[in-house]
Amino acid sequence: MSTTRTTTPPSAPPSALNISRVLATAARVLRQLRHDPRTIALMLLVPCLMLLLLRYVFDGSPRVFDNIGASLLGIFPLITMFLVTSIATLRERTSGTLERLLAMPLGKGDLIAGYALAFGAIAIVQSALATGLAVWFLGLDVVGSPWLLLLVALLDALLGTALGLFVSAFAASEFQAVQFMPAVIFPQLLLCGLFTARQNMHPVLEGISDALPMSYAVDGMNEVLMHADMTTAFVRDVLIVTGCALLVLALGAATLRRRTV
């Protein structure tokens, strides 16, 4: 008498991206952040406080604030989102949460996209607060539309989120995650054109700055600062910043690890 043996087929791996899993991940991250008021304050209030401080540092020279305020309106959200995202993601991995999540039918792409969506929602609020404060309360003199400033500030915050997700894969502790800031953020800050025009730099440094996304974030802010209409250069800068953010998110999904060893 022959017996038939039934085997359960292996479950198919999760697809590259699933909207319901992405939304569920984003909702979980937002619920966790709701119980962490210090992190929320860091993301929402620190850029506003820095702009407020900067405005009154140059109280006797308001034109200086007009010249650099728009650039910093994009830089401050990028830095804060980089710090918060890298530390939050690393904390999930070191606590074992990430390993448990990836044991479920949840792809790395779903996880990264969910984090980006959650922090992106906070970035919208952060960028709106900072832009509104700079333009309507601190008197930032902008020739173009404040809505374009808001767009670039939001894209900068999303770029900071993407960079934070990416570098968290290479850190073994929260201290190491913070240590990545001098390596990832400071060179961009020095070479983005905030302190001097990029064309006035040494040719080697100018070439490096052309490859850094923060340079185009600052250029986009300056286009809004000086031109009433949307320029071709502005569109180019926005597309480059968006493309860099998407590329870094893809790299973050590819390098994401379940745990820290």
Protein backbone atom coordinates (compact mmCIF):
# COMPACT_ATOMS: atom_id res chain seq x y z
CA MET A 1 0.00 0.00 0.00
CA SER A 2 1.47 3.29 -1.08
CA THR A 3 1.34 6.36 1.04
CA THR A 4 1.30 9.86 -0.22
CA ARG A 5 3.24 12.46 1.63
CA THR A 6 2.01 16.00 1.50
CA THR A 7 4.39 18.83 1.91
CA THR A 8 3.53 22.38 2.63
CA PRO A 9 4.96 24.64 -0.04
CA PRO A 10 7.26 27.30 1.31
CA SER A 11 5.66 30.64 1.75
CA ALA A 12 6.49 33.10 -0.95
CA PRO A 13 8.75 35.94 0.07
CA PRO A 14 7.03 39.26 0.50
CA SER A 15 6.81 41.41 -2.56
CA ALA A 16 9.16 44.35 -2.95
CA LEU A 17 6.55 46.84 -1.81
CA ASN A 18 3.06 46.37 -0.40
CA ILE A 19 0.93 49.41 0.40
CA SER A 20 -0.92 47.84 3.34
CA ARG A 21 2.33 46.73 4.98
CA VAL A 22 3.89 50.14 4.38
CA LEU A 23 0.92 51.92 5.97
CA ALA A 24 0.91 49.53 8.92
CA THR A 25 4.61 50.16 9.52
CA ALA A 26 4.14 53.93 9.29
CA ALA A 27 1.22 53.79 11.74
CA ARG A 28 3.31 51.77 14.23
CA VAL A 29 6.19 54.27 14.06
CA LEU A 30 3.84 57.22 14.56
CA ARG A 31 2.22 55.51 17.58
CA GLN A 32 5.66 55.04 19.13
CA LEU A 33 6.64 58.64 18.46
CA ARG A 34 3.43 59.86 20.06
CA HIS A 35 4.70 58.52 23.39
CA ASP A 36 8.11 60.20 22.98
CA PRO A 37 7.52 63.94 23.44
CA ARG A 38 11.25 64.74 23.57
CA THR A 39 11.79 63.33 20.08
CA ILE A 40 8.76 65.17 18.76
CA ALA A 41 10.05 68.41 20.29
CA LEU A 42 13.47 67.81 18.71
CA MET A 43 11.98 67.33 15.26
CA LEU A 44 9.37 70.09 15.34
CA LEU A 45 10.77 72.81 17.57
CA VAL A 46 14.56 72.75 17.21
CA PRO A 47 14.63 74.03 13.59
CA CYS A 48 12.25 76.84 14.59
CA LEU A 49 14.36 77.74 17.62
CA MET A 50 17.54 77.78 15.51
CA LEU A 51 15.94 80.12 12.98
CA LEU A 52 14.66 82.36 15.76
CA LEU A 53 18.12 82.49 17.34
CA LEU A 54 19.75 83.19 13.99
CA ARG A 55 17.36 86.05 13.24
CA TYR A 56 18.26 87.91 16.43
CA VAL A 57 21.96 87.13 16.19
CA PHE A 58 21.83 89.29 13.05
CA ASP A 59 19.33 91.73 14.51
CA GLY A 60 21.43 94.71 13.43
CA SER A 61 22.00 93.28 9.92
CA PRO A 62 18.66 91.92 8.65
CA ARG A 63 20.04 91.53 5.12
CA VAL A 64 22.44 88.87 6.41
CA PHE A 65 19.49 86.87 7.71
CA ASP A 66 17.78 87.27 4.34
CA ASN A 67 20.87 85.96 2.56
CA ILE A 68 21.41 82.82 4.65
CA GLY A 69 18.01 82.28 6.28
CA ALA A 70 16.52 80.52 3.26
CA SER A 71 19.50 78.17 3.01
CA LEU A 72 19.34 77.26 6.69
CA LEU A 73 15.59 76.74 6.35
CA GLY A 74 16.52 73.66 4.33
CA ILE A 75 19.62 72.64 6.24
CA PHE A 76 18.17 72.57 9.77
CA PRO A 77 15.34 70.09 8.94
CA LEU A 78 17.81 67.85 7.10
CA ILE A 79 20.12 67.68 10.11
CA THR A 80 17.41 67.05 12.71
CA MET A 81 15.69 64.37 10.62
CA PHE A 82 19.05 62.68 10.00
CA LEU A 83 19.79 62.48 13.72
CA VAL A 84 16.34 61.33 14.82
CA THR A 85 15.88 58.76 12.06
CA SER A 86 19.31 57.16 12.41
CA ILE A 87 18.96 56.80 16.18
CA ALA A 88 15.34 55.59 16.07
CA THR A 89 16.10 52.94 13.45
CA LEU A 90 19.18 51.74 15.29
CA ARG A 91 17.20 51.51 18.53
CA GLU A 92 14.68 49.22 16.84
CA ARG A 93 17.46 46.94 15.63
CA THR A 94 19.36 46.76 18.92
CA SER A 95 16.16 46.06 20.86
CA GLY A 96 15.28 43.13 18.58
CA THR A 97 12.13 44.78 17.22
CA LEU A 98 13.51 44.88 13.71
CA GLU A 99 14.39 41.19 13.77
CA ARG A 100 10.87 40.26 14.89
CA LEU A 101 9.31 42.47 12.21
CA LEU A 102 11.42 41.00 9.42
CA ALA A 103 10.49 37.48 10.57
CA MET A 104 6.95 38.37 9.55
CA PRO A 105 5.77 38.76 5.93
CA LEU A 106 7.39 42.18 5.84
CA GLY A 107 9.97 43.06 3.24
CA LYS A 108 12.87 45.43 3.76
CA GLY A 109 11.34 47.75 1.18
CA ASP A 110 8.07 47.81 3.15
CA LEU A 111 9.93 48.67 6.34
CA ILE A 112 12.04 51.44 4.83
CA ALA A 113 9.06 52.92 2.97
CA GLY A 114 6.98 52.82 6.16
CA TYR A 115 9.66 54.64 8.12
CA ALA A 116 10.04 57.19 5.33
CA LEU A 117 6.27 57.74 5.24
CA ALA A 118 6.01 58.19 9.02
CA PHE A 119 8.94 60.57 9.30
CA GLY A 120 7.83 62.25 6.08
CA ALA A 121 4.50 63.10 7.71
CA ILE A 122 6.38 64.70 10.59
CA ALA A 123 8.66 66.45 8.10
CA ILE A 124 5.61 68.13 6.54
CA VAL A 125 4.64 69.61 9.91
CA GLN A 126 8.25 70.52 10.68
CA SER A 127 8.79 72.24 7.34
CA ALA A 128 5.48 74.11 7.55
CA LEU A 129 6.29 75.43 11.04
CA ALA A 130 9.82 76.51 10.11
CA THR A 131 8.78 78.11 6.81
CA GLY A 132 5.83 79.94 8.36
CA LEU A 133 8.00 81.22 11.21
CA ALA A 134 10.76 82.44 8.89
CA VAL A 135 8.52 84.13 6.33
CA TRP A 136 5.61 85.52 8.31
CA PHE A 137 7.07 86.09 11.77
CA LEU A 138 10.80 86.65 11.31
CA GLY A 139 10.34 88.63 8.11
CA LEU A 140 12.49 86.57 5.74
CA ASP A 141 12.46 88.55 2.48
CA VAL A 142 11.63 86.08 -0.28
CA VAL A 143 11.04 87.15 -3.89
CA GLY A 144 9.45 83.85 -4.92
CA SER A 145 6.55 81.90 -3.49
CA PRO A 146 6.81 80.72 0.15
CA TRP A 147 5.16 77.50 -1.02
CA LEU A 148 8.26 76.72 -3.07
CA LEU A 149 10.36 77.30 0.04
CA LEU A 150 8.12 74.83 1.84
CA LEU A 151 8.56 72.30 -0.96
CA VAL A 152 12.36 72.44 -0.81
CA ALA A 153 12.36 72.34 3.01
CA LEU A 154 10.16 69.23 2.90
CA LEU A 155 12.41 67.52 0.35
CA ASP A 156 15.45 68.36 2.49
CA ALA A 157 13.79 66.81 5.53
CA LEU A 158 13.00 63.68 3.51
CA LEU A 159 16.61 63.57 2.33
CA GLY A 160 17.74 63.74 5.96
CA THR A 161 15.35 60.87 6.76
CA ALA A 162 16.77 58.79 3.92
CA LEU A 163 20.37 59.46 4.98
CA GLY A 164 19.53 58.57 8.58
CA LEU A 165 17.93 55.27 7.55
CA PHE A 166 20.95 54.46 5.41
CA VAL A 167 23.73 55.16 7.92
CA SER A 168 21.89 53.37 10.75
CA ALA A 169 22.78 50.08 9.05
CA PHE A 170 26.48 50.74 9.70
CA ALA A 171 26.27 51.80 13.35
CA ALA A 172 26.47 49.43 16.30
CA SER A 173 25.28 51.91 18.93
CA GLU A 174 23.47 55.22 19.21
CA PHE A 175 26.79 56.91 19.89
CA GLN A 176 28.17 55.57 16.62
CA ALA A 177 25.05 56.79 14.80
CA VAL A 178 25.74 60.31 16.07
CA GLN A 179 29.39 59.93 15.04
CA PHE A 180 28.29 59.56 11.43
CA MET A 181 27.14 63.17 11.45
CA PRO A 182 30.65 64.66 11.01
CA ALA A 183 31.28 62.23 8.15
CA VAL A 184 27.96 62.60 6.33
CA ILE A 185 26.57 66.05 7.21
CA PHE A 186 29.51 68.35 8.01
CA PRO A 187 31.30 68.03 4.62
CA GLN A 188 28.03 68.85 2.86
CA LEU A 189 27.49 71.79 5.20
CA LEU A 190 30.92 73.22 4.40
CA LEU A 191 30.70 72.67 0.65
CA CYS A 192 27.04 73.47 -0.06
CA GLY A 193 27.64 77.17 -0.78
CA LEU A 194 26.39 78.48 2.55
CA PHE A 195 29.67 80.17 3.50
CA THR A 196 30.93 81.08 0.03
CA ALA A 197 29.77 80.61 -3.54
CA ARG A 198 30.69 77.18 -4.82
CA GLN A 199 32.31 78.59 -7.94
CA ASN A 200 34.79 80.44 -5.70
CA MET A 201 36.05 77.21 -4.12
CA HIS A 202 39.09 75.23 -5.18
CA PRO A 203 38.18 73.31 -8.37
CA VAL A 204 38.51 69.96 -6.58
CA LEU A 205 36.16 71.06 -3.79
CA GLU A 206 33.77 72.55 -6.33
CA GLY A 207 33.66 69.20 -8.11
CA ILE A 208 32.95 67.40 -4.84
CA SER A 209 30.21 69.88 -3.96
CA ASP A 210 28.56 69.18 -7.32
CA ALA A 211 28.09 65.57 -6.20
CA LEU A 212 26.55 66.39 -2.79
CA PRO A 213 22.76 66.69 -2.50
CA MET A 214 22.80 69.47 0.09
CA SER A 215 24.40 71.75 -2.51
CA TYR A 216 21.29 71.49 -4.66
CA ALA A 217 19.03 71.98 -1.65
CA VAL A 218 20.76 75.29 -0.93
CA ASP A 219 20.71 76.24 -4.62
CA GLY A 220 16.98 75.57 -4.76
CA MET A 221 16.34 77.78 -1.74
CA ASN A 222 18.42 80.56 -3.27
CA GLU A 223 16.45 80.34 -6.52
CA VAL A 224 13.23 81.00 -4.58
CA LEU A 225 14.97 83.77 -2.67
CA MET A 226 16.00 85.65 -5.83
CA HIS A 227 13.43 84.82 -8.53
CA ALA A 228 9.69 85.50 -8.54
CA ASP A 229 8.90 82.65 -10.94
CA MET A 230 9.86 79.00 -10.90
CA THR A 231 13.11 78.73 -12.86
CA THR A 232 14.63 75.85 -14.79
CA ALA A 233 17.47 75.73 -12.27
CA PHE A 234 14.95 75.39 -9.45
CA VAL A 235 13.24 72.45 -11.15
CA ARG A 236 16.64 70.83 -11.72
CA ASP A 237 17.61 71.28 -8.06
CA VAL A 238 14.31 69.84 -6.82
CA LEU A 239 14.60 66.81 -9.10
CA ILE A 240 18.18 66.14 -7.99
CA VAL A 241 17.29 66.33 -4.28
CA THR A 242 14.27 64.06 -4.85
CA GLY A 243 16.33 61.59 -6.86
CA CYS A 244 19.05 61.50 -4.19
CA ALA A 245 16.47 60.83 -1.48
CA LEU A 246 14.93 57.95 -3.44
CA LEU A 247 18.35 56.51 -4.25
CA VAL A 248 19.47 56.61 -0.62
CA LEU A 249 16.18 55.00 0.48
CA ALA A 250 16.80 52.17 -1.99
CA LEU A 251 20.34 51.76 -0.64
CA GLY A 252 18.93 51.77 2.89
CA ALA A 253 16.58 48.91 2.02
CA ALA A 254 19.45 46.97 0.44
CA THR A 255 21.78 47.37 3.43
CA LEU A 256 19.21 46.97 6.22
CA ARG A 257 20.22 44.35 8.78
CA ARG A 258 17.99 42.49 11.20
CA ARG A 259 20.20 43.00 14.23
CA THR A 260 23.38 44.69 15.37
CA VAL A 261 26.27 42.34 15.95
